[in-house]
Amino acid sequence: MPKEVERVYAIADNLSSHRGTDVLLFMLAHPRWEMVFQPKYAAYLNLIEPWWKILRSLALAGRRFETWDEVTEAIAQATAYWNAHRHPFHWGQRRRHRPRRQPGVALLPKAA
């Protein structure tokens, strides 16, 4: 980071290793760095979470690997496939396959 930057914010999820001794010692040694933690139970703010879900479904789900090379090859193939068939992520849009929920706790059947 350039010396001109006064404050550096590191945004992290609440994984316990982000609060480990090494991280705390780094923060003490580098006072211009500040850790900003995402709120708990807000995984939707962490954009890596959707990618892990896609990666698991494309590369890892239902497969058994004998060697580490097989794992890396499966991940490379899944990443190449995803990059070839990418589409933009739109915040706040519903998935096409989910029907829109009606408001209310329970709905009465419609009278004919």
C-alpha atoms as a PDB file:
ATOM      1  CA  MET A   1       0.000   0.000   0.000  1.00  0.00           C
ATOM      2  CA  PRO A   2       1.285   3.472  -0.804  1.00  0.00           C
ATOM      3  CA  LYS A   3       2.517   5.486   2.169  1.00  0.00           C
ATOM      4  CA  GLU A   4       0.116   8.313   1.205  1.00  0.00           C
ATOM      5  CA  VAL A   5      -2.878   6.189   2.205  1.00  0.00           C
ATOM      6  CA  GLU A   6      -3.681   7.107   5.800  1.00  0.00           C
ATOM      7  CA  ARG A   7      -6.228   4.400   6.564  1.00  0.00           C
ATOM      8  CA  VAL A   8      -6.611   0.891   5.144  1.00  0.00           C
ATOM      9  CA  TYR A   9      -9.802  -1.018   5.876  1.00  0.00           C
ATOM     10  CA  ALA A  10      -9.713  -4.796   5.689  1.00  0.00           C
ATOM     11  CA  ILE A  11     -13.247  -6.166   5.411  1.00  0.00           C
ATOM     12  CA  ALA A  12     -13.528  -9.655   6.853  1.00  0.00           C
ATOM     13  CA  ASP A  13     -16.193 -12.133   7.813  1.00  0.00           C
ATOM     14  CA  ASN A  14     -16.400 -13.468  11.364  1.00  0.00           C
ATOM     15  CA  LEU A  15     -14.188 -16.513  10.890  1.00  0.00           C
ATOM     16  CA  SER A  16     -12.377 -17.098  14.169  1.00  0.00           C
ATOM     17  CA  SER A  17      -8.951 -17.117  12.486  1.00  0.00           C
ATOM     18  CA  HIS A  18      -9.476 -13.449  11.569  1.00  0.00           C
ATOM     19  CA  ARG A  19      -9.293 -12.685  15.266  1.00  0.00           C
ATOM     20  CA  GLY A  20      -6.245 -14.867  15.921  1.00  0.00           C
ATOM     21  CA  THR A  21      -3.037 -13.857  17.634  1.00  0.00           C
ATOM     22  CA  ASP A  22      -1.134 -13.342  14.371  1.00  0.00           C
ATOM     23  CA  VAL A  23      -3.826 -11.006  13.052  1.00  0.00           C
ATOM     24  CA  LEU A  24      -3.952  -9.040  16.313  1.00  0.00           C
ATOM     25  CA  LEU A  25      -0.164  -8.677  16.325  1.00  0.00           C
ATOM     26  CA  PHE A  26      -0.252  -7.467  12.713  1.00  0.00           C
ATOM     27  CA  MET A  27      -2.904  -4.902  13.614  1.00  0.00           C
ATOM     28  CA  LEU A  28      -0.797  -3.626  16.515  1.00  0.00           C
ATOM     29  CA  ALA A  29       2.297  -3.371  14.311  1.00  0.00           C
ATOM     30  CA  HIS A  30       0.401  -1.591  11.505  1.00  0.00           C
ATOM     31  CA  PRO A  31      -1.859   1.042  13.093  1.00  0.00           C
ATOM     32  CA  ARG A  32      -3.172   2.436   9.791  1.00  0.00           C
ATOM     33  CA  TRP A  33      -4.900  -0.895   9.119  1.00  0.00           C
ATOM     34  CA  GLU A  34      -8.363  -1.430  10.579  1.00  0.00           C
ATOM     35  CA  MET A  35     -10.407  -4.617  10.509  1.00  0.00           C
ATOM     36  CA  VAL A  36     -14.083  -4.167   9.681  1.00  0.00           C
ATOM     37  CA  PHE A  37     -16.157  -7.259  10.370  1.00  0.00           C
ATOM     38  CA  GLN A  38     -19.362  -8.067   8.543  1.00  0.00           C
ATOM     39  CA  PRO A  39     -22.444  -8.459  10.715  1.00  0.00           C
ATOM     40  CA  LYS A  40     -23.081 -11.985  11.900  1.00  0.00           C
ATOM     41  CA  TYR A  41     -25.783 -13.849   9.981  1.00  0.00           C
ATOM     42  CA  ALA A  42     -25.230 -11.653   6.912  1.00  0.00           C
ATOM     43  CA  ALA A  43     -23.501 -14.081   4.568  1.00  0.00           C
ATOM     44  CA  TYR A  44     -25.250 -12.420   1.619  1.00  0.00           C
ATOM     45  CA  LEU A  45     -22.852  -9.478   2.087  1.00  0.00           C
ATOM     46  CA  ASN A  46     -19.870 -11.741   1.514  1.00  0.00           C
ATOM     47  CA  LEU A  47     -19.740 -12.211  -2.265  1.00  0.00           C
ATOM     48  CA  ILE A  48     -17.423 -15.199  -1.959  1.00  0.00           C
ATOM     49  CA  GLU A  49     -20.296 -17.250  -0.493  1.00  0.00           C
ATOM     50  CA  PRO A  50     -22.242 -17.528  -3.781  1.00  0.00           C
ATOM     51  CA  TRP A  51     -19.023 -18.469  -5.554  1.00  0.00           C
ATOM     52  CA  TRP A  52     -18.330 -21.286  -3.056  1.00  0.00           C
ATOM     53  CA  LYS A  53     -21.854 -22.589  -3.638  1.00  0.00           C
ATOM     54  CA  ILE A  54     -21.336 -22.582  -7.419  1.00  0.00           C
ATOM     55  CA  LEU A  55     -17.886 -24.130  -7.135  1.00  0.00           C
ATOM     56  CA  ARG A  56     -19.170 -26.929  -4.900  1.00  0.00           C
ATOM     57  CA  SER A  57     -22.003 -27.715  -7.294  1.00  0.00           C
ATOM     58  CA  LEU A  58     -19.845 -27.602 -10.445  1.00  0.00           C
ATOM     59  CA  ALA A  59     -16.630 -29.221  -9.234  1.00  0.00           C
ATOM     60  CA  LEU A  60     -17.031 -31.035  -5.953  1.00  0.00           C
ATOM     61  CA  ALA A  61     -20.585 -32.278  -5.388  1.00  0.00           C
ATOM     62  CA  GLY A  62     -21.009 -36.040  -5.644  1.00  0.00           C
ATOM     63  CA  ARG A  63     -17.391 -36.716  -6.547  1.00  0.00           C
ATOM     64  CA  ARG A  64     -14.590 -38.583  -4.850  1.00  0.00           C
ATOM     65  CA  PHE A  65     -11.012 -37.586  -5.504  1.00  0.00           C
ATOM     66  CA  GLU A  66      -8.015 -39.859  -5.067  1.00  0.00           C
ATOM     67  CA  THR A  67      -5.289 -37.226  -5.493  1.00  0.00           C
ATOM     68  CA  TRP A  68      -4.838 -33.508  -5.009  1.00  0.00           C
ATOM     69  CA  ASP A  69      -4.198 -33.170  -8.750  1.00  0.00           C
ATOM     70  CA  GLU A  70      -7.729 -34.468  -9.419  1.00  0.00           C
ATOM     71  CA  VAL A  71      -9.160 -31.790  -7.116  1.00  0.00           C
ATOM     72  CA  THR A  72      -7.203 -28.985  -8.776  1.00  0.00           C
ATOM     73  CA  GLU A  73      -8.180 -30.239 -12.246  1.00  0.00           C
ATOM     74  CA  ALA A  74     -11.887 -30.384 -11.282  1.00  0.00           C
ATOM     75  CA  ILE A  75     -11.704 -26.836  -9.908  1.00  0.00           C
ATOM     76  CA  ALA A  76      -9.877 -25.585 -13.021  1.00  0.00           C
ATOM     77  CA  GLN A  77     -12.506 -27.166 -15.299  1.00  0.00           C
ATOM     78  CA  ALA A  78     -15.386 -25.756 -13.222  1.00  0.00           C
ATOM     79  CA  THR A  79     -13.816 -22.295 -13.240  1.00  0.00           C
ATOM     80  CA  ALA A  80     -13.285 -22.425 -17.010  1.00  0.00           C
ATOM     81  CA  TYR A  81     -16.898 -23.519 -17.500  1.00  0.00           C
ATOM     82  CA  TRP A  82     -18.215 -20.754 -15.232  1.00  0.00           C
ATOM     83  CA  ASN A  83     -16.115 -18.108 -17.008  1.00  0.00           C
ATOM     84  CA  ALA A  84     -17.380 -19.300 -20.404  1.00  0.00           C
ATOM     85  CA  HIS A  85     -21.017 -19.194 -19.214  1.00  0.00           C
ATOM     86  CA  ARG A  86     -20.878 -16.204 -16.880  1.00  0.00           C
ATOM     87  CA  HIS A  87     -23.751 -13.878 -16.279  1.00  0.00           C
ATOM     88  CA  PRO A  88     -24.006 -10.749 -14.149  1.00  0.00           C
ATOM     89  CA  PHE A  89     -25.052 -10.850 -10.530  1.00  0.00           C
ATOM     90  CA  HIS A  90     -27.969  -8.536  -9.797  1.00  0.00           C
ATOM     91  CA  TRP A  91     -28.512  -7.473  -6.192  1.00  0.00           C
ATOM     92  CA  GLY A  92     -32.097  -7.663  -5.016  1.00  0.00           C
ATOM     93  CA  GLN A  93     -33.467  -9.728  -7.876  1.00  0.00           C
ATOM     94  CA  ARG A  94     -35.278 -12.947  -7.178  1.00  0.00           C
ATOM     95  CA  ARG A  95     -34.216 -16.201  -8.721  1.00  0.00           C
ATOM     96  CA  ARG A  96     -36.354 -17.183 -11.661  1.00  0.00           C
ATOM     97  CA  HIS A  97     -37.287 -20.598 -10.275  1.00  0.00           C
ATOM     98  CA  ARG A  98     -38.633 -19.298  -6.957  1.00  0.00           C
ATOM     99  CA  PRO A  99     -42.262 -18.187  -6.929  1.00  0.00           C
ATOM    100  CA  ARG A 100     -42.988 -14.877  -5.265  1.00  0.00           C
ATOM    101  CA  ARG A 101     -44.333 -15.329  -1.732  1.00  0.00           C
ATOM    102  CA  GLN A 102     -47.656 -13.810  -0.852  1.00  0.00           C
ATOM    103  CA  PRO A 103     -47.789 -11.523   2.192  1.00  0.00           C
ATOM    104  CA  GLY A 104     -49.377 -12.768   5.397  1.00  0.00           C
ATOM    105  CA  VAL A 105     -49.035 -15.749   7.690  1.00  0.00           C
ATOM    106  CA  ALA A 106     -51.779 -17.843   6.120  1.00  0.00           C
ATOM    107  CA  LEU A 107     -53.957 -17.229   3.145  1.00  0.00           C
ATOM    108  CA  LEU A 108     -57.542 -18.333   2.806  1.00  0.00           C
ATOM    109  CA  PRO A 109     -58.511 -20.155  -0.378  1.00  0.00           C
ATOM    110  CA  LYS A 110     -60.034 -17.916  -3.000  1.00  0.00           C
ATOM    111  CA  ALA A 111     -63.817 -18.178  -3.255  1.00  0.00           C
ATOM    112  CA  ALA A 112     -65.116 -19.170  -6.658  1.00  0.00           C
END
